[in-house]
Amino acid sequence: MLTMAHGMHDLDELTAFTSVMASGSLTASARELGLAKSTLSRRISQLEERLGQPLLRRQANRLLPTEAGTLFLAYSQQILHLAEQGHQALDDLRAEVSGELTVEVHNAFARGWFSQQMEDFVARHPGMRLNLHTRLMPPTGPEDETLCVWLGDVADCGLRQETLGYMRRGVYAHPDYFRRHGTPRHPRELTQHAWVDLLGTSEQGMTLHHAREGETRITLPPSRLHVDQYVLHIDAIARGRGLGLLPHWMAEKRLQHHPGSLAPCLEEWAPSSLPITLLYPFGRLPRKSVTLLEQIRQTVPESWRLHAPVPQPSISR
């Protein structure tokens, strides 16, 4: 008979158990929970020791529940749900969102949508103080309560990663540049043009996708102008220094304020989309963080949500 004395519930152990029951894999659950695999295994072993019988058994490459594990899962889920409700009820006693919070953002979002959301958040919550920093490189590890919004690929860094949408890109130049040097009609012709590079992202070449012709991989000429911020990148392209790869969203914003400063080319060819990723710590977050995260989710431009990602280039093996 399965018994458990009152007061012996360990929420970390129950969370580990329910996660592994869902995934069937220590590795997958450890990644999801942001834990070392050894820590996750130890928590499950401690839970089994408390209960006095095994909850999981290994079969091939998966972990499957024992009879006791199947029975105990429903109780674990109820306990975790009640604990969450209790935390939420305590949070609701203090409706005010206050304190200090650090937010880091890709430099592409330094103007426009994101900065406006931060201003609105502070105006809506007078007790809040925000520290907003731009980044040139994505996070490499968890850092206290810091939240981050990133444009582009992010490696596994110990933070939870939530995709907000995708930003499509295209090749742009100033119209005068096209009048002087001609407009490329095929990606192969890009090698005959000056190229403005952002952080060396084009040095390894570029793959463009066409709905009928498939993928074309090109090697671009060495760029004589490298910049490390999107605002410098788009300024150089708009001044006619050469062609460059820009998110359509940024180009459209530029054209709203400076009509005629940019023109696209090769519009039927598309490079891979850039994911827009929200990064934040695993585990339970303070109310101020939860409130800000929800505002970010709710205000993401609709066009980013609507775009399905243009795939990354295929890799030959």
Protein backbone atom coordinates (compact mmCIF):
# COMPACT_ATOMS: atom_id res chain seq x y z
CA MET A 1 0.00 0.00 0.00
CA LEU A 2 1.34 3.46 -0.96
CA THR A 3 1.51 5.80 2.01
CA MET A 4 3.07 9.21 2.53
CA ALA A 5 3.15 11.01 5.82
CA HIS A 6 2.00 14.62 6.01
CA GLY A 7 4.88 17.09 5.69
CA MET A 8 7.09 14.76 3.65
CA HIS A 9 6.20 16.27 0.29
CA ASP A 10 9.16 17.86 -1.47
CA LEU A 11 7.99 20.01 -4.38
CA ASP A 12 11.33 19.82 -6.21
CA GLU A 13 11.19 16.03 -6.09
CA LEU A 14 7.59 15.97 -7.28
CA THR A 15 8.41 18.36 -10.13
CA ALA A 16 11.30 16.14 -11.19
CA PHE A 17 9.10 13.03 -11.09
CA THR A 18 6.19 14.53 -13.08
CA SER A 19 8.57 15.93 -15.70
CA VAL A 20 10.28 12.58 -16.28
CA MET A 21 6.90 10.84 -16.41
CA ALA A 22 5.94 13.24 -19.23
CA SER A 23 9.19 13.04 -21.20
CA GLY A 24 10.37 9.49 -20.44
CA SER A 25 13.93 10.85 -20.45
CA LEU A 26 16.23 12.21 -17.75
CA THR A 27 18.16 14.17 -20.37
CA ALA A 28 15.07 15.89 -21.81
CA SER A 29 13.65 16.70 -18.37
CA ALA A 30 16.98 18.00 -17.09
CA ARG A 31 17.12 20.36 -20.08
CA GLU A 32 13.52 21.47 -19.55
CA LEU A 33 14.02 22.16 -15.84
CA GLY A 34 17.46 23.69 -16.21
CA LEU A 35 19.06 21.10 -13.92
CA ALA A 36 22.08 18.86 -14.09
CA LYS A 37 21.09 15.32 -15.00
CA SER A 38 22.68 14.03 -11.79
CA THR A 39 20.59 16.45 -9.70
CA LEU A 40 17.39 15.32 -11.40
CA SER A 41 18.26 11.64 -10.87
CA ARG A 42 19.05 12.27 -7.21
CA ARG A 43 15.70 13.97 -6.60
CA ILE A 44 13.80 11.05 -8.05
CA SER A 45 15.85 8.58 -6.01
CA GLN A 46 15.13 10.57 -2.84
CA LEU A 47 11.41 10.55 -3.63
CA GLU A 48 11.46 6.77 -4.17
CA GLU A 49 13.32 6.35 -0.89
CA ARG A 50 10.72 8.42 0.96
CA LEU A 51 7.92 6.35 -0.56
CA GLY A 52 9.66 3.04 -0.01
CA GLN A 53 9.23 1.70 -3.54
CA PRO A 54 10.39 2.43 -7.11
CA LEU A 55 8.35 4.74 -9.31
CA LEU A 56 10.24 4.33 -12.58
CA ARG A 57 11.93 1.53 -14.48
CA ARG A 58 14.24 1.66 -17.48
CA GLN A 59 13.29 -0.03 -20.73
CA ALA A 60 15.61 0.43 -23.72
CA ASN A 61 16.26 4.18 -23.88
CA ARG A 62 13.16 5.29 -21.99
CA LEU A 63 12.02 5.51 -18.40
CA LEU A 64 8.60 3.96 -17.83
CA PRO A 65 6.40 4.13 -14.73
CA THR A 66 5.96 1.25 -12.38
CA GLU A 67 2.48 0.50 -11.06
CA ALA A 68 3.28 2.70 -8.06
CA GLY A 69 4.54 5.45 -10.36
CA THR A 70 1.34 5.47 -12.39
CA LEU A 71 -0.75 5.64 -9.21
CA PHE A 72 1.35 8.35 -7.59
CA LEU A 73 1.47 10.63 -10.66
CA ALA A 74 -2.07 11.94 -10.20
CA TYR A 75 -1.38 12.76 -6.53
CA SER A 76 1.87 14.52 -7.48
CA GLN A 77 0.10 16.66 -10.04
CA GLN A 78 -2.60 17.61 -7.54
CA ILE A 79 -0.01 18.57 -4.90
CA LEU A 80 1.93 20.73 -7.38
CA HIS A 81 -1.27 22.36 -8.60
CA LEU A 82 -2.35 23.19 -5.04
CA ALA A 83 1.09 24.58 -4.24
CA GLU A 84 0.92 26.82 -7.31
CA GLN A 85 -2.54 28.02 -6.32
CA GLY A 86 -1.24 28.80 -2.84
CA HIS A 87 1.66 30.83 -4.21
CA GLN A 88 -0.69 32.68 -6.55
CA ALA A 89 -3.08 33.50 -3.72
CA LEU A 90 -0.23 34.95 -1.67
CA ASP A 91 0.93 36.98 -4.66
CA ASP A 92 -2.57 38.33 -5.15
CA LEU A 93 -2.48 39.74 -1.60
CA ARG A 94 0.06 42.19 -2.93
CA ALA A 95 -1.30 43.46 -6.20
CA GLU A 96 1.28 46.22 -6.56
CA VAL A 97 4.15 45.51 -8.94
CA SER A 98 7.24 47.19 -7.53
CA GLY A 99 10.98 46.89 -7.14
CA GLU A 100 13.93 46.91 -9.53
CA LEU A 101 14.36 44.81 -12.66
CA THR A 102 17.11 44.52 -15.26
CA VAL A 103 16.12 43.89 -18.86
CA GLU A 104 18.61 43.19 -21.64
CA VAL A 105 17.75 43.51 -25.30
CA HIS A 106 19.32 42.94 -28.70
CA ASN A 107 20.52 46.28 -30.05
CA ALA A 108 18.04 45.99 -32.94
CA PHE A 109 15.23 46.61 -30.42
CA ALA A 110 16.84 49.66 -28.80
CA ARG A 111 14.36 51.89 -30.61
CA GLY A 112 10.70 51.50 -31.43
CA TRP A 113 8.51 48.69 -30.14
CA PHE A 114 10.55 47.44 -27.18
CA SER A 115 11.65 50.79 -25.74
CA GLN A 116 8.03 51.97 -25.97
CA GLN A 117 6.87 48.91 -24.01
CA MET A 118 9.43 49.57 -21.28
CA GLU A 119 8.27 53.18 -20.98
CA ASP A 120 4.64 52.05 -20.80
CA PHE A 121 5.48 49.45 -18.14
CA VAL A 122 7.16 52.02 -15.89
CA ALA A 123 4.27 54.46 -16.38
CA ARG A 124 1.75 51.75 -15.49
CA HIS A 125 3.64 50.66 -12.36
CA PRO A 126 4.97 53.70 -10.47
CA GLY A 127 6.75 51.48 -7.94
CA MET A 128 8.97 49.89 -10.62
CA ARG A 129 12.48 50.85 -11.64
CA LEU A 130 13.80 49.33 -14.89
CA ASN A 131 17.43 49.05 -15.93
CA LEU A 132 17.48 48.60 -19.71
CA HIS A 133 20.73 47.44 -21.36
CA THR A 134 21.52 46.57 -24.96
CA ARG A 135 23.61 43.53 -25.87
CA LEU A 136 25.82 42.69 -28.83
CA MET A 137 25.98 38.96 -28.03
CA PRO A 138 23.29 36.57 -26.70
CA PRO A 139 23.37 35.40 -23.07
CA THR A 140 25.75 32.56 -22.29
CA GLY A 141 24.49 31.68 -18.82
CA PRO A 142 21.76 32.42 -16.24
CA GLU A 143 22.17 35.77 -14.54
CA ASP A 144 20.01 36.43 -11.48
CA GLU A 145 16.58 37.81 -12.43
CA THR A 146 17.65 39.31 -15.76
CA LEU A 147 15.19 39.09 -18.66
CA CYS A 148 16.38 39.28 -22.26
CA VAL A 149 14.82 39.71 -25.71
CA TRP A 150 17.11 38.47 -28.49
CA LEU A 151 17.03 38.56 -32.28
CA GLY A 152 18.72 35.57 -33.90
CA ASP A 153 19.78 32.10 -32.86
CA VAL A 154 20.58 31.41 -29.19
CA ALA A 155 22.53 28.42 -27.90
CA ASP A 156 21.49 26.53 -24.77
CA CYS A 157 22.51 28.92 -21.98
CA GLY A 158 20.70 27.75 -18.86
CA LEU A 159 17.77 30.14 -19.38
CA ARG A 160 14.26 29.31 -20.48
CA GLN A 161 13.79 30.20 -24.17
CA GLU A 162 10.39 31.21 -25.51
CA THR A 163 9.98 32.05 -29.20
CA LEU A 164 7.87 35.18 -29.70
CA GLY A 165 7.91 35.12 -33.50
CA TYR A 166 10.13 35.36 -36.54
CA MET A 167 11.55 38.31 -38.44
CA ARG A 168 11.96 37.89 -42.18
CA ARG A 169 14.79 39.58 -44.02
CA GLY A 170 15.73 40.77 -47.48
CA VAL A 171 18.52 42.41 -49.46
CA TYR A 172 18.36 46.22 -49.55
CA ALA A 173 20.30 49.20 -50.90
CA HIS A 174 19.70 52.88 -51.56
CA PRO A 175 17.92 53.48 -54.89
CA ASP A 176 20.89 55.61 -56.04
CA TYR A 177 23.16 52.62 -55.51
CA PHE A 178 21.01 50.54 -57.88
CA ARG A 179 21.00 53.34 -60.45
CA ARG A 180 24.81 53.52 -60.36
CA HIS A 181 25.61 49.82 -60.19
CA GLY A 182 22.52 48.02 -61.46
CA THR A 183 19.97 45.88 -59.65
CA PRO A 184 20.83 42.18 -59.09
CA ARG A 185 18.39 39.82 -60.81
CA HIS A 186 19.81 36.58 -59.36
CA PRO A 187 21.70 35.85 -56.13
CA ARG A 188 24.83 35.02 -58.18
CA GLU A 189 25.05 38.70 -59.17
CA LEU A 190 25.48 39.75 -55.52
CA THR A 191 29.16 38.81 -55.79
CA GLN A 192 29.62 41.80 -58.14
CA HIS A 193 28.43 44.35 -55.56
CA ALA A 194 29.76 46.08 -52.46
CA TRP A 195 28.44 44.47 -49.29
CA VAL A 196 27.87 46.05 -45.86
CA ASP A 197 28.35 43.39 -43.22
CA LEU A 198 26.87 43.17 -39.70
CA LEU A 199 29.16 41.54 -37.12
CA GLY A 200 30.74 39.33 -39.76
CA THR A 201 27.49 37.41 -40.24
CA SER A 202 27.94 37.17 -44.02
CA GLU A 203 31.60 36.18 -44.08
CA GLN A 204 30.74 32.48 -44.33
CA GLY A 205 28.41 33.06 -47.26
CA MET A 206 24.64 33.22 -47.48
CA THR A 207 21.84 30.88 -48.52
CA LEU A 208 18.74 32.27 -50.24
CA HIS A 209 15.47 30.36 -50.73
CA HIS A 210 13.16 30.56 -53.74
CA ALA A 211 9.69 29.02 -53.85
CA ARG A 212 10.35 27.26 -57.18
CA GLU A 213 14.13 27.17 -57.58
CA GLY A 214 14.97 26.00 -54.06
CA GLU A 215 18.18 27.01 -52.28
CA THR A 216 21.11 28.94 -53.71
CA ARG A 217 24.31 29.26 -51.72
CA ILE A 218 26.57 32.21 -52.54
CA THR A 219 29.93 33.42 -51.29
CA LEU A 220 29.92 37.18 -50.90
CA PRO A 221 32.91 39.40 -51.64
CA PRO A 222 34.88 40.53 -48.57
CA SER A 223 33.08 43.46 -46.97
CA ARG A 224 35.11 46.67 -46.65
CA LEU A 225 32.69 47.96 -44.01
CA HIS A 226 31.83 45.95 -40.88
CA VAL A 227 29.48 47.35 -38.23
CA ASP A 228 28.31 45.91 -34.91
CA GLN A 229 24.87 47.49 -34.52
CA TYR A 230 21.78 47.44 -36.67
CA VAL A 231 21.36 51.22 -36.49
CA LEU A 232 24.85 51.68 -37.99
CA HIS A 233 24.17 48.90 -40.48
CA ILE A 234 20.96 50.40 -41.84
CA ASP A 235 22.50 53.91 -41.87
CA ALA A 236 25.43 52.73 -44.01
CA ILE A 237 23.13 50.93 -46.46
CA ALA A 238 20.79 53.94 -46.67
CA ARG A 239 23.78 56.19 -47.48
CA GLY A 240 24.55 54.08 -50.53
CA ARG A 241 27.65 52.26 -49.23
CA GLY A 242 26.47 48.97 -50.68
CA LEU A 243 23.94 46.17 -50.32
CA GLY A 244 23.07 44.56 -47.04
CA LEU A 245 20.75 42.08 -45.36
CA LEU A 246 18.02 43.78 -43.29
CA PRO A 247 14.91 42.62 -41.43
CA HIS A 248 11.90 43.83 -43.41
CA TRP A 249 10.43 45.27 -40.20
CA MET A 250 13.44 47.55 -39.70
CA ALA A 251 13.48 48.61 -43.35
CA GLU A 252 9.78 49.49 -43.20
CA LYS A 253 10.30 51.59 -40.06
CA ARG A 254 13.19 53.39 -41.74
CA LEU A 255 11.09 54.14 -44.82
CA GLN A 256 8.28 55.55 -42.67
CA HIS A 257 10.65 58.25 -41.38
CA HIS A 258 12.93 58.53 -44.43
CA PRO A 259 10.92 57.74 -47.58
CA GLY A 260 12.99 56.67 -50.58
CA SER A 261 16.10 55.85 -48.52
CA LEU A 262 15.96 52.09 -49.14
CA ALA A 263 14.81 49.73 -51.88
CA PRO A 264 14.68 45.92 -51.87
CA CYS A 265 16.00 43.59 -54.54
CA LEU A 266 15.68 39.84 -55.18
CA GLU A 267 12.29 39.96 -53.49
CA GLU A 268 11.44 36.38 -54.52
CA TRP A 269 14.57 35.15 -52.74
CA ALA A 270 14.62 34.98 -48.95
CA PRO A 271 17.37 34.28 -46.42
CA SER A 272 16.55 32.31 -43.28
CA SER A 273 14.29 34.10 -40.77
CA LEU A 274 15.59 35.37 -37.46
CA PRO A 275 13.81 34.02 -34.37
CA ILE A 276 12.78 36.55 -31.71
CA THR A 277 13.41 34.88 -28.38
CA LEU A 278 12.38 35.78 -24.85
CA LEU A 279 14.89 34.47 -22.29
CA TYR A 280 14.30 34.30 -18.54
CA PRO A 281 15.30 32.13 -15.57
CA PHE A 282 13.77 28.74 -14.88
CA GLY A 283 11.67 28.27 -11.79
CA ARG A 284 9.23 30.58 -10.06
CA LEU A 285 9.66 34.23 -11.00
CA PRO A 286 8.79 37.31 -8.92
CA ARG A 287 5.55 39.07 -9.75
CA LYS A 288 7.34 42.02 -11.37
CA SER A 289 9.03 39.67 -13.86
CA VAL A 290 5.84 37.73 -14.62
CA THR A 291 3.95 40.97 -15.25
CA LEU A 292 6.59 42.35 -17.61
CA LEU A 293 6.89 39.06 -19.50
CA GLU A 294 3.15 39.00 -20.07
CA GLN A 295 3.17 42.57 -21.38
CA ILE A 296 5.95 41.68 -23.84
CA ARG A 297 4.01 38.63 -25.07
CA GLN A 298 0.80 40.59 -25.52
CA THR A 299 2.39 43.46 -27.47
CA VAL A 300 4.61 41.59 -29.95
CA PRO A 301 3.88 43.05 -33.43
CA GLU A 302 1.35 40.87 -35.20
CA SER A 303 3.49 40.56 -38.32
CA TRP A 304 6.15 38.68 -36.33
CA ARG A 305 3.60 36.15 -35.13
CA LEU A 306 2.10 35.65 -38.58
CA HIS A 307 5.35 34.83 -40.35
CA ALA A 308 6.28 31.18 -40.53
CA PRO A 309 10.08 30.94 -40.42
CA VAL A 310 12.06 30.65 -43.62
CA PRO A 311 14.09 27.49 -42.87
CA GLN A 312 17.77 27.35 -42.08
CA PRO A 313 19.89 26.08 -44.98
CA SER A 314 20.06 22.30 -45.30
CA ILE A 315 23.32 20.62 -44.32
CA SER A 316 24.90 17.91 -46.41
CA ARG A 317 26.10 14.93 -44.44
